[in-house]
Amino acid sequence: MGTYNIRHEVGIKASPKAVYEALTEVKKLAGWWTSDTRGEGSKVGGMLEFWFGDFCQQFEVVELQPGKLVRWKATREETIEEWAGTEVSFALSADENQCWVQFGHTGWREETESFAHCSTKWAVFMLSLKDLLETGKGHPAPEDVQINHD
């Protein structure tokens, strides 16, 4: 049985160093994903907590290559059921115009409604990351673009 993967790509007018910092420093993570971000994102083995109201999504930092790669693994203790054991990665590369972010949320066991919802929301948050680095202001939850009317 295979797995399902979410993939996105965005070009950001920023250095790989600046993008890497936005993916590893808690204060900067809070500037584009969720404003209530806690933990340690700048060392392998660190734990990150992303709070959405009363719900916390927790990740372990599993790989860091400064200016090149950030990988997290969703823990099984505090997670959306479909996310348990999945991995989130940000691979960075640059050309003369921008830093390319190759985003992946991999290892989904099935393609559910949650999978489709998360794919769209990850796109929203990748654009929030882009805005944070290019304009100085991201759109983290709860101020993010809403994709439905729940």
Protein backbone atom coordinates (compact mmCIF):
# COMPACT_ATOMS: atom_id res chain seq x y z
CA MET A 1 0.00 0.00 0.00
CA GLY A 2 1.44 3.37 -1.05
CA THR A 3 1.39 6.71 0.66
CA TYR A 4 0.14 10.09 -0.46
CA ASN A 5 2.12 13.31 -0.54
CA ILE A 6 1.34 17.01 -0.66
CA ARG A 7 3.84 19.05 -2.70
CA HIS A 8 4.09 22.79 -3.33
CA GLU A 9 6.75 25.10 -4.73
CA VAL A 10 7.13 28.83 -4.17
CA GLY A 11 9.80 31.31 -5.21
CA ILE A 12 10.66 33.91 -2.58
CA LYS A 13 12.74 37.04 -3.10
CA ALA A 14 14.94 36.33 -0.07
CA SER A 15 18.20 34.56 0.63
CA PRO A 16 18.23 30.87 1.56
CA LYS A 17 19.59 31.99 4.96
CA ALA A 18 16.54 34.23 5.56
CA VAL A 19 14.13 31.50 4.46
CA TYR A 20 15.89 28.94 6.65
CA GLU A 21 15.60 31.28 9.65
CA ALA A 22 11.86 31.70 8.98
CA LEU A 23 11.55 27.89 9.11
CA THR A 24 13.61 27.33 12.27
CA GLU A 25 13.19 30.35 14.57
CA VAL A 26 10.03 30.18 16.67
CA LYS A 27 9.26 33.91 16.47
CA LYS A 28 9.55 33.81 12.67
CA LEU A 29 7.52 30.58 12.40
CA ALA A 30 4.81 32.45 14.34
CA GLY A 31 4.93 35.13 11.66
CA TRP A 32 3.65 32.86 8.88
CA TRP A 33 2.02 29.61 10.14
CA THR A 34 0.28 30.14 13.50
CA SER A 35 0.83 33.08 15.77
CA ASP A 36 0.96 30.72 18.79
CA THR A 37 4.14 28.77 18.03
CA ARG A 38 6.30 27.35 20.81
CA GLY A 39 9.34 25.16 21.25
CA GLU A 40 12.75 24.71 19.67
CA GLY A 41 13.09 24.59 15.89
CA SER A 42 16.77 25.30 15.41
CA LYS A 43 18.24 21.99 16.58
CA VAL A 44 17.72 18.38 15.58
CA GLY A 45 15.66 16.65 18.26
CA GLY A 46 13.92 19.90 19.16
CA MET A 47 10.15 19.86 19.54
CA LEU A 48 7.87 22.44 17.96
CA GLU A 49 4.30 23.12 19.04
CA PHE A 50 1.89 24.86 16.70
CA TRP A 51 -1.27 25.92 18.53
CA PHE A 52 -4.55 26.50 16.72
CA GLY A 53 -6.86 27.60 19.53
CA ASP A 54 -7.14 24.62 21.90
CA PHE A 55 -5.47 22.21 19.48
CA CYS A 56 -1.70 21.66 19.36
CA GLN A 57 0.12 20.07 16.43
CA GLN A 58 3.54 18.88 17.58
CA PHE A 59 6.58 18.07 15.44
CA GLU A 60 10.05 16.77 16.16
CA VAL A 61 12.84 18.43 14.18
CA VAL A 62 14.52 15.48 12.41
CA GLU A 63 16.94 17.15 9.97
CA LEU A 64 18.48 20.57 9.50
CA GLN A 65 20.90 21.63 6.76
CA PRO A 66 21.37 25.41 7.13
CA GLY A 67 20.21 27.25 4.02
CA LYS A 68 19.20 23.98 2.34
CA LEU A 69 16.74 21.74 4.21
CA VAL A 70 14.36 21.58 7.17
CA ARG A 71 12.47 18.37 8.05
CA TRP A 72 9.95 17.72 10.82
CA LYS A 73 8.07 14.58 11.84
CA ALA A 74 4.55 14.71 13.29
CA THR A 75 4.52 13.04 16.69
CA ARG A 76 1.89 10.46 17.53
CA GLU A 77 1.06 11.93 20.95
CA GLU A 78 -0.41 15.25 19.81
CA THR A 79 -1.58 15.10 16.24
CA ILE A 80 -4.35 15.16 13.73
CA GLU A 81 -4.93 11.41 13.28
CA GLU A 82 -4.04 11.46 9.56
CA TRP A 83 -0.80 13.35 10.33
CA ALA A 84 0.63 10.76 12.74
CA GLY A 85 4.05 9.76 11.46
CA THR A 86 3.95 12.08 8.44
CA GLU A 87 6.87 14.35 7.61
CA VAL A 88 7.00 17.98 6.58
CA SER A 89 10.02 19.18 4.59
CA PHE A 90 11.26 22.42 3.11
CA ALA A 91 14.07 22.02 0.56
CA LEU A 92 15.73 25.30 -0.43
CA SER A 93 17.63 26.22 -3.57
CA ALA A 94 18.44 29.59 -5.08
CA ASP A 95 18.99 31.17 -8.45
CA GLU A 96 19.81 34.78 -9.29
CA ASN A 97 16.18 35.88 -8.74
CA GLN A 98 14.88 34.00 -5.71
CA CYS A 99 15.03 31.20 -3.20
CA TRP A 100 12.91 28.24 -4.27
CA VAL A 101 11.07 26.40 -1.50
CA GLN A 102 10.11 22.85 -2.38
CA PHE A 103 7.54 21.95 0.26
CA GLY A 104 6.40 18.42 1.04
CA HIS A 105 4.02 16.88 3.56
CA THR A 106 4.64 13.19 2.95
CA GLY A 107 3.58 9.81 4.25
CA TRP A 108 -0.20 10.19 4.35
CA ARG A 109 -1.79 6.74 4.56
CA GLU A 110 -4.88 7.68 2.55
CA GLU A 111 -6.30 10.50 0.47
CA THR A 112 -9.07 11.84 2.71
CA GLU A 113 -11.07 15.09 2.84
CA SER A 114 -8.52 16.21 5.41
CA PHE A 115 -5.75 15.55 2.86
CA ALA A 116 -7.41 17.89 0.32
CA HIS A 117 -8.08 20.53 2.99
CA CYS A 118 -4.49 20.40 4.27
CA SER A 119 -3.08 20.63 0.75
CA THR A 120 -4.96 23.87 0.16
CA LYS A 121 -4.07 25.26 3.60
CA TRP A 122 -0.38 24.45 3.09
CA ALA A 123 -0.53 26.49 -0.14
CA VAL A 124 -2.06 29.37 1.85
CA PHE A 125 0.71 29.15 4.43
CA MET A 126 3.48 28.92 1.81
CA LEU A 127 2.16 32.22 0.42
CA SER A 128 2.12 33.58 3.97
CA LEU A 129 5.80 32.61 4.28
CA LYS A 130 6.47 34.41 0.99
CA ASP A 131 4.65 37.53 2.21
CA LEU A 132 6.51 37.50 5.54
CA LEU A 133 9.89 37.44 3.80
CA GLU A 134 9.05 39.80 0.94
CA THR A 135 6.89 42.38 2.73
CA GLY A 136 7.66 41.86 6.42
CA LYS A 137 4.09 40.71 7.19
CA GLY A 138 2.80 37.15 6.92
CA HIS A 139 -0.73 35.92 7.52
CA PRO A 140 -0.47 33.29 10.27
CA ALA A 141 -3.50 31.58 11.79
CA PRO A 142 -5.88 32.87 12.98
CA GLU A 143 -5.41 35.72 10.46
CA ASP A 144 -4.83 33.38 7.49
CA VAL A 145 -6.96 33.11 4.36
CA GLN A 146 -10.01 31.00 5.18
CA ILE A 147 -10.85 28.34 2.62
CA ASN A 148 -14.33 27.42 3.85
CA HIS A 149 -17.16 28.79 6.01
CA ASP A 150 -17.13 26.47 9.05
